[in-house]
Each structure stands twice: as C-alpha cells, then as structure tokens.
Amino acid sequence: MPLIPEESQIHESAQGPRATAAAGRPVPTPRPVPGPRTAAAPRPGNPVPGPARPTPPVPRPQPAAGPTPSAAENRSDLRSGAQIQLIPATADGALDAAEEAVDLLLESGRAPGDVLVLTTGEQHPWAAHELSFGETAYWAQQEAREDVFFADAAAVERAAARPVVVVAVNGGADDAVSCSLPEALTRATALLIVCGDAERVNAALGAGV
C-alpha cells in the first residue's frame, strides 16, 4: 500500500517512535554554515532561537487489544523492522521539513547521536562545511555519534545504522532516489522519516512497503 500522509507530529511511545505527516514547506532561504548541533541548540542555519515551540503532545499508549492501526499510523518493513513515515514536501521545502522533524525528535527526547539525516539533492550546509576539512575528519564524527549526522544519500552505504534516519528528497535523479531510499531504510533501526513528494517516495520504496 502507498504511504499516506498525516498531520505534522512526531511521537515517541513505549512501542517505539512514531511520526506523523506535515504539510509541504515553503521555499527555504539560504542558510549560513551551521556549527555543532546538540539537543539544546537551535537547528542548523538558525543560530538565534525563535519563539518557544508548543510542548509536544503526550504520547498515546497503544491498546492491549483492538483494531489494527492503519498502515499510515504504524507501518514496518520486514527487513529492518523500522516504521516508515512520510512528510509531504516539495523538493525545495524538503530540507526544511527534515530539519523540523529533527527538532521535534530532539524535543521528544531523542539523543542527537540517534539521528542520521540524508539529502538526495544538494548537501546540507553542515555536511558541506565539515567535508571542507577532509573526509577523514568528517566521517570520524559519524563514528563519534555525539551529534546529528548529515550526509549525502549517495553515500548511504557508508553511513552507519542509527535508530532514526530522516531523508530529505530535495532533488536528485529518480533512479538515484529509488536506490537510496531502500538503503536508508536498512540503516534505520526504529524509524525512517521521508520528506518529499508522496508519489515519488512511494515509487522509490515500492507499493508493498
């Protein structure tokens, strides 16, 4: 069945993280090169904190018995066991949508080192900046697992598995996206969040997911 977008919320529950869909995001403005990111720091590209976010809603416990949740609420893949969540976004707005998803994950209690962010088009400014110091130092930060790690989806095979993988479908050829999304799913041990065009995402992951 194709993925079904939902409202913009991300939940962490006793049975694993859960994310719901967000609306497409507006065209982003150029960002300055961000510095290191921590759970308490603002998202890359926004050094000055904005207005406080609303407190995330209390996760809803799963019932012991009852109707099976819909495919969009709780979808998993047999290979990785990770849930898959689609956040609809245009190619221009996918990176902003991915950063919003990361913000919500950190606010809900996820450690920065639990999150891997992949981009199918233009690299995230953080990745481009860190690569300017050399690939050895750049990939060493992935191994350290002290922060959110941003990488090009084309290098997903070199990326280590993390509980949450967020993919921003912000460009790239269809065949490249079709290859990188299934690989991203194998890197996610709990949750895969894909920000992009719903039809393109479903075509890449396959209707059986």
N, C-alpha and C. Protein backbone atom coordinates (compact mmCIF):
# COMPACT_ATOMS: atom_id res chain seq x y z
N MET A 1 0.84 -1.20 0.00
CA MET A 1 0.00 0.00 0.00
C MET A 1 0.88 1.24 0.00
N PRO A 2 0.50 2.28 -0.71
CA PRO A 2 1.30 3.51 -0.68
C PRO A 2 1.24 4.19 0.67
N LEU A 3 2.27 4.97 1.00
CA LEU A 3 2.30 5.70 2.25
C LEU A 3 1.24 6.79 2.24
N ILE A 4 0.58 7.02 3.38
CA ILE A 4 -0.49 8.00 3.49
C ILE A 4 -0.04 9.13 4.39
N PRO A 5 0.05 10.36 3.87
CA PRO A 5 0.49 11.47 4.72
C PRO A 5 -0.45 11.71 5.88
N GLU A 6 0.10 12.21 7.01
CA GLU A 6 -0.71 12.54 8.18
C GLU A 6 -0.40 13.93 8.68
N GLU A 7 -1.01 14.34 9.80
CA GLU A 7 -0.75 15.65 10.38
C GLU A 7 0.65 15.73 10.93
N SER A 8 1.17 16.95 11.11
CA SER A 8 2.57 17.17 11.48
C SER A 8 2.81 17.00 12.97
N GLN A 9 3.15 15.78 13.40
CA GLN A 9 3.55 15.50 14.77
C GLN A 9 4.46 14.31 14.77
N ILE A 10 5.36 14.22 15.74
CA ILE A 10 6.23 13.07 15.89
C ILE A 10 6.09 12.60 17.31
N HIS A 11 5.78 11.32 17.51
CA HIS A 11 5.54 10.78 18.85
C HIS A 11 6.59 9.74 19.19
N GLU A 12 6.96 9.66 20.44
CA GLU A 12 7.79 8.60 20.98
C GLU A 12 6.94 7.83 21.98
N SER A 13 6.71 6.57 21.77
CA SER A 13 5.86 5.78 22.65
C SER A 13 6.60 4.56 23.15
N ALA A 14 5.93 3.82 24.01
CA ALA A 14 6.55 2.64 24.61
C ALA A 14 6.90 1.60 23.56
N GLN A 15 6.17 1.61 22.44
CA GLN A 15 6.44 0.61 21.42
C GLN A 15 7.36 1.13 20.33
N GLY A 16 7.99 2.27 20.50
CA GLY A 16 8.91 2.78 19.51
C GLY A 16 8.46 4.14 19.05
N PRO A 17 9.31 4.88 18.34
CA PRO A 17 8.99 6.23 17.90
C PRO A 17 7.93 6.23 16.84
N ARG A 18 7.16 7.27 16.81
CA ARG A 18 6.10 7.39 15.81
C ARG A 18 6.12 8.80 15.29
N ALA A 19 5.96 8.97 13.98
CA ALA A 19 5.91 10.30 13.41
C ALA A 19 4.70 10.42 12.54
N THR A 20 4.13 11.64 12.48
CA THR A 20 3.01 11.87 11.61
C THR A 20 3.35 12.95 10.63
N ALA A 21 2.53 13.13 9.59
CA ALA A 21 2.91 13.93 8.46
C ALA A 21 2.75 15.40 8.70
N ALA A 22 3.53 16.17 7.93
CA ALA A 22 3.41 17.62 7.97
C ALA A 22 3.12 18.13 6.58
N ALA A 23 2.60 19.30 6.50
CA ALA A 23 2.29 19.89 5.21
C ALA A 23 3.58 20.28 4.51
N GLY A 24 3.52 20.49 3.19
CA GLY A 24 4.69 20.93 2.44
C GLY A 24 5.20 22.25 2.99
N ARG A 25 6.49 22.44 2.89
CA ARG A 25 7.12 23.61 3.46
C ARG A 25 7.40 24.65 2.38
N PRO A 26 7.49 25.94 2.72
CA PRO A 26 7.78 26.96 1.72
C PRO A 26 9.21 26.89 1.25
N VAL A 27 9.49 27.58 0.17
CA VAL A 27 10.84 27.60 -0.39
C VAL A 27 11.80 28.18 0.63
N PRO A 28 12.90 27.43 0.98
CA PRO A 28 13.80 27.91 2.03
C PRO A 28 14.68 29.05 1.54
N THR A 29 15.13 29.87 2.45
CA THR A 29 16.08 30.93 2.14
C THR A 29 17.48 30.41 2.42
N PRO A 30 18.52 30.99 1.80
CA PRO A 30 19.90 30.49 2.03
C PRO A 30 20.24 30.51 3.50
N ARG A 31 20.99 29.49 3.95
CA ARG A 31 21.36 29.39 5.35
C ARG A 31 22.85 29.62 5.51
N PRO A 32 23.26 30.22 6.63
CA PRO A 32 24.69 30.28 6.94
C PRO A 32 25.20 28.93 7.36
N VAL A 33 26.51 28.72 7.27
CA VAL A 33 27.08 27.44 7.67
C VAL A 33 26.86 27.25 9.16
N PRO A 34 26.19 26.15 9.56
CA PRO A 34 25.89 25.95 10.98
C PRO A 34 27.08 25.40 11.74
N GLY A 35 27.05 25.52 13.03
CA GLY A 35 28.06 24.93 13.88
C GLY A 35 27.58 23.60 14.42
N PRO A 36 28.25 23.04 15.43
CA PRO A 36 27.84 21.76 16.00
C PRO A 36 26.42 21.84 16.54
N ARG A 37 25.72 20.73 16.52
CA ARG A 37 24.33 20.69 16.95
C ARG A 37 24.19 19.79 18.17
N THR A 38 23.47 20.24 19.14
CA THR A 38 23.16 19.44 20.31
C THR A 38 21.68 19.48 20.55
N ALA A 39 21.22 18.70 21.52
CA ALA A 39 19.79 18.66 21.81
C ALA A 39 19.28 20.02 22.26
N ALA A 40 20.14 20.84 22.89
CA ALA A 40 19.70 22.13 23.39
C ALA A 40 19.91 23.25 22.39
N ALA A 41 20.62 22.96 21.29
CA ALA A 41 20.95 24.01 20.33
C ALA A 41 19.86 24.15 19.30
N PRO A 42 19.73 25.36 18.68
CA PRO A 42 18.75 25.52 17.60
C PRO A 42 19.18 24.74 16.38
N ARG A 43 18.25 24.48 15.46
CA ARG A 43 18.58 23.70 14.27
C ARG A 43 19.61 24.43 13.42
N PRO A 44 20.41 23.69 12.61
CA PRO A 44 21.44 24.33 11.79
C PRO A 44 20.84 25.42 10.93
N GLY A 45 21.57 26.52 10.80
CA GLY A 45 21.12 27.61 9.97
C GLY A 45 20.30 28.64 10.71
N ASN A 46 19.97 28.41 12.00
CA ASN A 46 19.19 29.34 12.80
C ASN A 46 19.87 29.57 14.14
N PRO A 47 20.98 30.34 14.18
CA PRO A 47 21.73 30.50 15.43
C PRO A 47 20.98 31.23 16.53
N VAL A 48 20.00 32.09 16.15
CA VAL A 48 19.25 32.83 17.17
C VAL A 48 17.93 32.14 17.42
N PRO A 49 17.66 31.65 18.63
CA PRO A 49 16.41 30.93 18.90
C PRO A 49 15.21 31.81 18.62
N GLY A 50 14.17 31.20 18.06
CA GLY A 50 12.92 31.91 17.81
C GLY A 50 11.97 31.70 18.96
N PRO A 51 10.68 31.97 18.73
CA PRO A 51 9.69 31.77 19.78
C PRO A 51 9.67 30.31 20.25
N ALA A 52 9.37 30.13 21.51
CA ALA A 52 9.33 28.78 22.08
C ALA A 52 8.28 27.94 21.37
N ARG A 53 8.62 26.66 21.12
CA ARG A 53 7.67 25.74 20.49
C ARG A 53 6.64 25.25 21.51
N PRO A 54 5.46 24.91 21.03
CA PRO A 54 4.49 24.30 21.95
C PRO A 54 5.03 22.99 22.50
N THR A 55 4.63 22.66 23.71
CA THR A 55 5.05 21.40 24.30
C THR A 55 4.49 20.24 23.48
N PRO A 56 5.37 19.27 23.07
CA PRO A 56 4.87 18.15 22.27
C PRO A 56 3.76 17.40 23.02
N PRO A 57 2.77 16.90 22.30
CA PRO A 57 1.68 16.19 22.96
C PRO A 57 2.16 14.93 23.64
N VAL A 58 1.46 14.55 24.69
CA VAL A 58 1.81 13.33 25.43
C VAL A 58 1.55 12.12 24.54
N PRO A 59 2.55 11.22 24.39
CA PRO A 59 2.34 10.05 23.54
C PRO A 59 1.13 9.23 24.00
N ARG A 60 0.38 8.75 23.03
CA ARG A 60 -0.79 7.94 23.34
C ARG A 60 -0.40 6.47 23.46
N PRO A 61 -0.71 5.80 24.56
CA PRO A 61 -0.36 4.39 24.70
C PRO A 61 -1.15 3.54 23.74
N GLN A 62 -0.54 2.48 23.25
CA GLN A 62 -1.22 1.54 22.37
C GLN A 62 -2.16 0.65 23.19
N PRO A 63 -3.36 0.39 22.72
CA PRO A 63 -4.26 -0.50 23.45
C PRO A 63 -3.75 -1.93 23.44
N ALA A 64 -4.08 -2.66 24.48
CA ALA A 64 -3.65 -4.06 24.57
C ALA A 64 -4.30 -4.90 23.50
N ALA A 65 -5.51 -4.57 23.14
CA ALA A 65 -6.21 -5.31 22.11
C ALA A 65 -7.17 -4.37 21.43
N GLY A 66 -7.52 -4.70 20.21
CA GLY A 66 -8.45 -3.85 19.49
C GLY A 66 -8.12 -3.84 18.02
N PRO A 67 -8.73 -2.92 17.27
CA PRO A 67 -8.49 -2.87 15.84
C PRO A 67 -7.03 -2.62 15.51
N THR A 68 -6.56 -3.18 14.43
CA THR A 68 -5.19 -2.98 14.00
C THR A 68 -5.01 -1.56 13.49
N PRO A 69 -3.93 -0.84 13.89
CA PRO A 69 -3.73 0.53 13.40
C PRO A 69 -3.63 0.57 11.89
N SER A 70 -3.97 1.71 11.33
CA SER A 70 -3.90 1.86 9.88
C SER A 70 -2.46 1.78 9.42
N ALA A 71 -2.26 1.53 8.12
CA ALA A 71 -0.92 1.39 7.58
C ALA A 71 -0.13 2.67 7.75
N ALA A 72 -0.81 3.83 7.66
CA ALA A 72 -0.09 5.10 7.80
C ALA A 72 0.33 5.35 9.23
N GLU A 73 -0.42 4.84 10.21
CA GLU A 73 -0.09 5.06 11.61
C GLU A 73 1.07 4.19 12.07
N ASN A 74 1.11 2.98 11.60
CA ASN A 74 2.12 2.05 12.10
C ASN A 74 2.52 1.11 10.99
N ARG A 75 3.54 1.49 10.21
CA ARG A 75 3.98 0.71 9.07
C ARG A 75 5.40 0.24 9.33
N SER A 76 5.67 -1.02 9.07
CA SER A 76 7.02 -1.52 9.28
C SER A 76 7.48 -2.33 8.09
N ASP A 77 8.76 -2.50 7.98
CA ASP A 77 9.35 -3.26 6.89
C ASP A 77 9.99 -4.51 7.47
N LEU A 78 9.81 -5.65 6.78
CA LEU A 78 10.28 -6.92 7.31
C LEU A 78 11.80 -6.97 7.42
N ARG A 79 12.49 -6.20 6.58
CA ARG A 79 13.95 -6.27 6.60
C ARG A 79 14.54 -5.56 7.80
N SER A 80 14.02 -4.41 8.15
CA SER A 80 14.64 -3.63 9.21
C SER A 80 13.78 -3.51 10.46
N GLY A 81 12.48 -3.74 10.35
CA GLY A 81 11.59 -3.57 11.49
C GLY A 81 11.31 -2.12 11.81
N ALA A 82 11.79 -1.19 10.99
CA ALA A 82 11.60 0.24 11.25
C ALA A 82 10.25 0.71 10.73
N GLN A 83 9.63 1.62 11.47
CA GLN A 83 8.43 2.27 10.99
C GLN A 83 8.81 3.28 9.92
N ILE A 84 7.90 3.54 8.99
CA ILE A 84 8.15 4.50 7.91
C ILE A 84 7.10 5.59 7.99
N GLN A 85 7.55 6.83 7.96
CA GLN A 85 6.63 7.96 7.99
C GLN A 85 6.94 8.93 6.86
N LEU A 86 5.92 9.33 6.13
CA LEU A 86 6.08 10.30 5.06
C LEU A 86 5.63 11.69 5.52
N ILE A 87 6.47 12.69 5.28
CA ILE A 87 6.10 14.09 5.50
C ILE A 87 6.08 14.74 4.12
N PRO A 88 4.90 15.04 3.58
CA PRO A 88 4.82 15.62 2.23
C PRO A 88 5.56 16.95 2.16
N ALA A 89 6.35 17.12 1.10
CA ALA A 89 7.09 18.37 0.92
C ALA A 89 7.54 18.47 -0.53
N THR A 90 7.68 19.69 -1.02
CA THR A 90 8.25 19.90 -2.34
C THR A 90 9.76 19.68 -2.26
N ALA A 91 10.39 19.58 -3.41
CA ALA A 91 11.84 19.41 -3.42
C ALA A 91 12.52 20.60 -2.75
N ASP A 92 11.98 21.81 -2.97
CA ASP A 92 12.57 23.00 -2.36
C ASP A 92 12.32 23.07 -0.86
N GLY A 93 11.24 22.45 -0.38
CA GLY A 93 10.90 22.52 1.03
C GLY A 93 11.28 21.29 1.82
N ALA A 94 11.85 20.27 1.16
CA ALA A 94 12.14 19.00 1.84
C ALA A 94 13.17 19.15 2.95
N LEU A 95 14.20 19.97 2.73
CA LEU A 95 15.24 20.11 3.75
C LEU A 95 14.70 20.82 4.98
N ASP A 96 13.86 21.84 4.77
CA ASP A 96 13.24 22.50 5.91
C ASP A 96 12.35 21.53 6.68
N ALA A 97 11.59 20.70 5.96
CA ALA A 97 10.72 19.72 6.61
C ALA A 97 11.54 18.72 7.41
N ALA A 98 12.68 18.31 6.87
CA ALA A 98 13.55 17.36 7.58
C ALA A 98 14.10 17.98 8.86
N GLU A 99 14.49 19.26 8.79
CA GLU A 99 15.02 19.92 9.98
C GLU A 99 13.94 20.08 11.05
N GLU A 100 12.71 20.37 10.62
CA GLU A 100 11.60 20.44 11.58
C GLU A 100 11.38 19.09 12.24
N ALA A 101 11.48 18.01 11.47
CA ALA A 101 11.32 16.67 12.03
C ALA A 101 12.41 16.37 13.06
N VAL A 102 13.64 16.78 12.76
CA VAL A 102 14.74 16.58 13.71
C VAL A 102 14.49 17.37 14.99
N ASP A 103 14.03 18.61 14.84
CA ASP A 103 13.72 19.42 16.02
C ASP A 103 12.72 18.71 16.93
N LEU A 104 11.66 18.19 16.34
CA LEU A 104 10.63 17.50 17.13
C LEU A 104 11.17 16.24 17.78
N LEU A 105 12.03 15.52 17.07
CA LEU A 105 12.63 14.32 17.65
C LEU A 105 13.47 14.66 18.87
N LEU A 106 14.28 15.71 18.78
CA LEU A 106 15.13 16.11 19.90
C LEU A 106 14.29 16.60 21.07
N GLU A 107 13.23 17.34 20.76
CA GLU A 107 12.36 17.84 21.82
C GLU A 107 11.61 16.71 22.52
N SER A 108 11.37 15.63 21.80
CA SER A 108 10.65 14.50 22.40
C SER A 108 11.57 13.57 23.17
N GLY A 109 12.88 13.86 23.16
CA GLY A 109 13.80 13.07 23.99
C GLY A 109 14.84 12.28 23.25
N ARG A 110 14.81 12.28 21.92
CA ARG A 110 15.83 11.56 21.17
C ARG A 110 17.19 12.22 21.35
N ALA A 111 18.22 11.43 21.51
CA ALA A 111 19.58 11.96 21.58
C ALA A 111 20.04 12.35 20.18
N PRO A 112 20.82 13.44 20.05
CA PRO A 112 21.30 13.83 18.73
C PRO A 112 22.04 12.71 18.00
N GLY A 113 22.79 11.91 18.75
CA GLY A 113 23.53 10.82 18.13
C GLY A 113 22.67 9.69 17.61
N ASP A 114 21.36 9.74 17.88
CA ASP A 114 20.44 8.72 17.37
C ASP A 114 19.95 9.02 15.96
N VAL A 115 20.28 10.21 15.44
CA VAL A 115 19.65 10.67 14.21
C VAL A 115 20.66 10.83 13.07
N LEU A 116 20.30 10.27 11.93
CA LEU A 116 21.05 10.43 10.68
C LEU A 116 20.14 11.14 9.68
N VAL A 117 20.65 12.19 9.04
CA VAL A 117 19.88 12.93 8.03
C VAL A 117 20.56 12.78 6.68
N LEU A 118 19.81 12.34 5.68
CA LEU A 118 20.33 12.16 4.33
C LEU A 118 19.63 13.12 3.37
N THR A 119 20.37 13.64 2.40
CA THR A 119 19.80 14.51 1.39
C THR A 119 20.04 13.89 0.01
N THR A 120 19.00 13.87 -0.84
CA THR A 120 19.14 13.27 -2.16
C THR A 120 19.63 14.27 -3.20
N GLY A 121 19.50 15.57 -2.89
CA GLY A 121 19.94 16.61 -3.82
C GLY A 121 21.13 17.36 -3.25
N GLU A 122 20.98 18.68 -3.13
CA GLU A 122 22.07 19.49 -2.58
C GLU A 122 22.37 19.08 -1.14
N GLN A 123 23.64 19.04 -0.80
CA GLN A 123 24.04 18.65 0.55
C GLN A 123 23.57 19.67 1.58
N HIS A 124 23.35 19.17 2.80
CA HIS A 124 23.05 20.07 3.91
C HIS A 124 24.28 20.95 4.14
N PRO A 125 24.07 22.24 4.51
CA PRO A 125 25.22 23.14 4.74
C PRO A 125 26.23 22.60 5.75
N TRP A 126 25.75 21.90 6.78
CA TRP A 126 26.67 21.34 7.78
C TRP A 126 27.61 20.33 7.13
N ALA A 127 27.05 19.43 6.30
CA ALA A 127 27.88 18.41 5.65
C ALA A 127 28.89 19.06 4.72
N ALA A 128 28.44 20.03 3.93
CA ALA A 128 29.35 20.70 3.01
C ALA A 128 30.50 21.39 3.76
N HIS A 129 30.17 21.99 4.90
CA HIS A 129 31.19 22.69 5.70
C HIS A 129 32.19 21.70 6.29
N GLU A 130 31.69 20.62 6.89
CA GLU A 130 32.59 19.67 7.54
C GLU A 130 33.45 18.93 6.52
N LEU A 131 32.93 18.67 5.33
CA LEU A 131 33.72 18.00 4.30
C LEU A 131 34.88 18.87 3.82
N SER A 132 34.77 20.19 4.03
CA SER A 132 35.85 21.07 3.62
C SER A 132 37.12 20.82 4.43
N PHE A 133 37.00 20.14 5.57
CA PHE A 133 38.15 19.80 6.40
C PHE A 133 38.70 18.42 6.09
N GLY A 134 38.10 17.75 5.12
CA GLY A 134 38.58 16.43 4.73
C GLY A 134 37.61 15.32 5.13
N GLU A 135 37.56 14.27 4.32
CA GLU A 135 36.61 13.18 4.56
C GLU A 135 36.94 12.41 5.83
N THR A 136 38.21 12.28 6.17
CA THR A 136 38.57 11.51 7.37
C THR A 136 37.96 12.14 8.61
N ALA A 137 38.13 13.45 8.77
CA ALA A 137 37.57 14.14 9.93
C ALA A 137 36.05 14.13 9.88
N TYR A 138 35.50 14.25 8.68
CA TYR A 138 34.04 14.27 8.52
C TYR A 138 33.43 12.94 8.97
N TRP A 139 33.91 11.82 8.46
CA TRP A 139 33.33 10.52 8.82
C TRP A 139 33.66 10.11 10.25
N ALA A 140 34.73 10.67 10.81
CA ALA A 140 35.04 10.39 12.21
C ALA A 140 33.94 10.90 13.12
N GLN A 141 33.26 11.97 12.71
CA GLN A 141 32.16 12.50 13.52
C GLN A 141 30.97 11.54 13.52
N GLN A 142 30.80 10.80 12.43
CA GLN A 142 29.75 9.79 12.44
C GLN A 142 30.06 8.71 13.47
N GLU A 143 31.31 8.27 13.51
CA GLU A 143 31.70 7.22 14.44
C GLU A 143 31.58 7.70 15.89
N ALA A 144 31.82 8.97 16.13
CA ALA A 144 31.74 9.50 17.49
C ALA A 144 30.31 9.50 18.02
N ARG A 145 29.32 9.62 17.13
CA ARG A 145 27.90 9.58 17.49
C ARG A 145 27.55 10.59 18.59
N GLU A 146 28.15 11.77 18.54
CA GLU A 146 27.87 12.80 19.53
C GLU A 146 26.82 13.80 19.06
N ASP A 147 26.45 13.73 17.79
CA ASP A 147 25.58 14.75 17.23
C ASP A 147 24.77 14.17 16.08
N VAL A 148 23.76 14.94 15.64
CA VAL A 148 23.05 14.59 14.41
C VAL A 148 24.07 14.58 13.29
N PHE A 149 24.02 13.55 12.44
CA PHE A 149 24.99 13.45 11.34
C PHE A 149 24.27 13.65 10.02
N PHE A 150 24.79 14.56 9.18
CA PHE A 150 24.20 14.87 7.89
C PHE A 150 25.10 14.31 6.78
N ALA A 151 24.48 13.64 5.81
CA ALA A 151 25.27 13.03 4.74
C ALA A 151 24.49 13.05 3.43
N ASP A 152 25.23 12.91 2.34
CA ASP A 152 24.64 12.79 1.02
C ASP A 152 24.05 11.38 0.89
N ALA A 153 22.83 11.28 0.38
CA ALA A 153 22.20 9.96 0.22
C ALA A 153 23.01 9.06 -0.71
N ALA A 154 23.80 9.65 -1.60
CA ALA A 154 24.62 8.84 -2.49
C ALA A 154 25.68 8.06 -1.71
N ALA A 155 26.00 8.51 -0.49
CA ALA A 155 26.98 7.82 0.35
C ALA A 155 26.32 7.00 1.44
N VAL A 156 25.04 6.65 1.25
CA VAL A 156 24.30 5.95 2.31
C VAL A 156 24.94 4.61 2.67
N GLU A 157 25.57 3.95 1.72
CA GLU A 157 26.18 2.66 2.03
C GLU A 157 27.33 2.80 3.03
N ARG A 158 27.88 3.99 3.13
CA ARG A 158 28.97 4.22 4.10
C ARG A 158 28.43 4.68 5.45
N ALA A 159 27.16 5.04 5.48
CA ALA A 159 26.56 5.53 6.72
C ALA A 159 26.27 4.37 7.66
N ALA A 160 26.52 4.60 8.94
CA ALA A 160 26.24 3.59 9.96
C ALA A 160 24.77 3.64 10.35
N ALA A 161 24.25 2.52 10.81
CA ALA A 161 22.86 2.46 11.24
C ALA A 161 22.64 3.32 12.48
N ARG A 162 21.48 3.96 12.54
CA ARG A 162 21.07 4.74 13.70
C ARG A 162 19.59 4.49 13.94
N PRO A 163 19.10 4.73 15.15
CA PRO A 163 17.68 4.48 15.42
C PRO A 163 16.74 5.21 14.47
N VAL A 164 17.07 6.47 14.16
CA VAL A 164 16.19 7.27 13.29
C VAL A 164 16.98 7.79 12.10
N VAL A 165 16.43 7.57 10.90
CA VAL A 165 17.00 8.13 9.68
C VAL A 165 15.96 9.05 9.06
N VAL A 166 16.36 10.28 8.76
CA VAL A 166 15.49 11.26 8.12
C VAL A 166 16.05 11.54 6.73
N VAL A 167 15.22 11.37 5.70
CA VAL A 167 15.66 11.60 4.33
C VAL A 167 14.93 12.80 3.76
N ALA A 168 15.68 13.78 3.28
CA ALA A 168 15.10 14.93 2.58
C ALA A 168 15.25 14.68 1.09
N VAL A 169 14.12 14.46 0.41
CA VAL A 169 14.15 14.25 -1.04
C VAL A 169 14.12 15.64 -1.69
N ASN A 170 15.29 16.27 -1.69
CA ASN A 170 15.39 17.67 -2.14
C ASN A 170 16.01 17.79 -3.53
N GLY A 171 15.84 16.76 -4.32
CA GLY A 171 16.38 16.76 -5.68
C GLY A 171 16.99 15.42 -6.00
N GLY A 172 17.78 15.39 -7.05
CA GLY A 172 18.40 14.13 -7.46
C GLY A 172 17.58 13.42 -8.51
N ALA A 173 18.24 12.59 -9.29
CA ALA A 173 17.57 11.81 -10.33
C ALA A 173 16.68 10.74 -9.71
N ASP A 174 15.62 10.38 -10.42
CA ASP A 174 14.68 9.39 -9.90
C ASP A 174 15.35 8.06 -9.60
N ASP A 175 16.28 7.63 -10.49
CA ASP A 175 16.91 6.32 -10.25
C ASP A 175 17.81 6.37 -9.02
N ALA A 176 18.45 7.53 -8.77
CA ALA A 176 19.29 7.66 -7.58
C ALA A 176 18.44 7.64 -6.32
N VAL A 177 17.28 8.32 -6.35
CA VAL A 177 16.37 8.32 -5.21
C VAL A 177 15.83 6.92 -4.97
N SER A 178 15.50 6.21 -6.05
CA SER A 178 14.96 4.85 -5.93
C SER A 178 15.97 3.91 -5.29
N CYS A 179 17.25 4.17 -5.50
CA CYS A 179 18.28 3.32 -4.89
C CYS A 179 18.56 3.72 -3.44
N SER A 180 18.56 5.02 -3.17
CA SER A 180 18.98 5.48 -1.84
C SER A 180 17.91 5.27 -0.77
N LEU A 181 16.62 5.37 -1.11
CA LEU A 181 15.59 5.23 -0.09
C LEU A 181 15.54 3.81 0.50
N PRO A 182 15.55 2.75 -0.30
CA PRO A 182 15.60 1.41 0.32
C PRO A 182 16.85 1.21 1.17
N GLU A 183 18.00 1.77 0.73
CA GLU A 183 19.22 1.66 1.54
C GLU A 183 19.07 2.42 2.85
N ALA A 184 18.42 3.58 2.79
CA ALA A 184 18.19 4.36 4.01
C ALA A 184 17.34 3.57 4.99
N LEU A 185 16.38 2.82 4.48
CA LEU A 185 15.52 2.02 5.34
C LEU A 185 16.32 0.96 6.10
N THR A 186 17.33 0.40 5.45
CA THR A 186 18.15 -0.60 6.13
C THR A 186 19.04 0.01 7.21
N ARG A 187 19.26 1.33 7.15
CA ARG A 187 20.07 1.99 8.17
C ARG A 187 19.24 2.42 9.38
N ALA A 188 17.94 2.43 9.26
CA ALA A 188 17.06 2.86 10.35
C ALA A 188 16.67 1.65 11.19
N THR A 189 16.98 1.67 12.47
CA THR A 189 16.62 0.54 13.33
C THR A 189 15.26 0.73 14.00
N ALA A 190 14.73 1.96 14.02
CA ALA A 190 13.44 2.20 14.66
C ALA A 190 12.49 2.99 13.77
N LEU A 191 12.97 4.04 13.10
CA LEU A 191 12.08 4.93 12.37
C LEU A 191 12.77 5.54 11.17
N LEU A 192 12.08 5.49 10.01
CA LEU A 192 12.53 6.18 8.81
C LEU A 192 11.51 7.26 8.48
N ILE A 193 11.96 8.51 8.42
CA ILE A 193 11.10 9.63 8.06
C ILE A 193 11.57 10.14 6.70
N VAL A 194 10.65 10.19 5.74
CA VAL A 194 10.99 10.66 4.40
C VAL A 194 10.21 11.94 4.12
N CYS A 195 10.92 13.01 3.81
CA CYS A 195 10.31 14.30 3.49
C CYS A 195 10.42 14.52 1.99
N GLY A 196 9.29 14.52 1.29
CA GLY A 196 9.34 14.69 -0.15
C GLY A 196 7.99 14.46 -0.78
N ASP A 197 7.98 14.41 -2.10
CA ASP A 197 6.76 14.20 -2.86
C ASP A 197 6.24 12.78 -2.62
N ALA A 198 4.97 12.66 -2.26
CA ALA A 198 4.40 11.36 -1.89
C ALA A 198 4.49 10.34 -3.02
N GLU A 199 4.17 10.75 -4.24
CA GLU A 199 4.21 9.81 -5.36
C GLU A 199 5.63 9.33 -5.63
N ARG A 200 6.57 10.25 -5.56
CA ARG A 200 7.96 9.88 -5.81
C ARG A 200 8.48 8.95 -4.73
N VAL A 201 8.12 9.22 -3.48
CA VAL A 201 8.56 8.38 -2.37
C VAL A 201 7.97 6.98 -2.48
N ASN A 202 6.67 6.89 -2.76
CA ASN A 202 6.03 5.59 -2.89
C ASN A 202 6.62 4.78 -4.04
N ALA A 203 6.94 5.47 -5.13
CA ALA A 203 7.52 4.77 -6.26
C ALA A 203 8.90 4.23 -5.90
N ALA A 204 9.65 4.98 -5.10
CA ALA A 204 11.00 4.55 -4.73
C ALA A 204 10.98 3.40 -3.74
N LEU A 205 10.09 3.47 -2.75
CA LEU A 205 10.04 2.43 -1.73
C LEU A 205 9.24 1.21 -2.16
N GLY A 206 8.32 1.40 -3.13
CA GLY A 206 7.51 0.28 -3.58
C GLY A 206 6.18 0.24 -2.88
N ALA A 207 5.14 -0.13 -3.63
CA ALA A 207 3.80 -0.15 -3.09
C ALA A 207 3.63 -1.17 -1.98
N GLY A 208 4.53 -2.16 -1.91
CA GLY A 208 4.38 -3.20 -0.89
C GLY A 208 4.90 -2.82 0.46
N VAL A 209 5.53 -1.66 0.57
CA VAL A 209 6.08 -1.24 1.86
C VAL A 209 4.99 -0.69 2.76
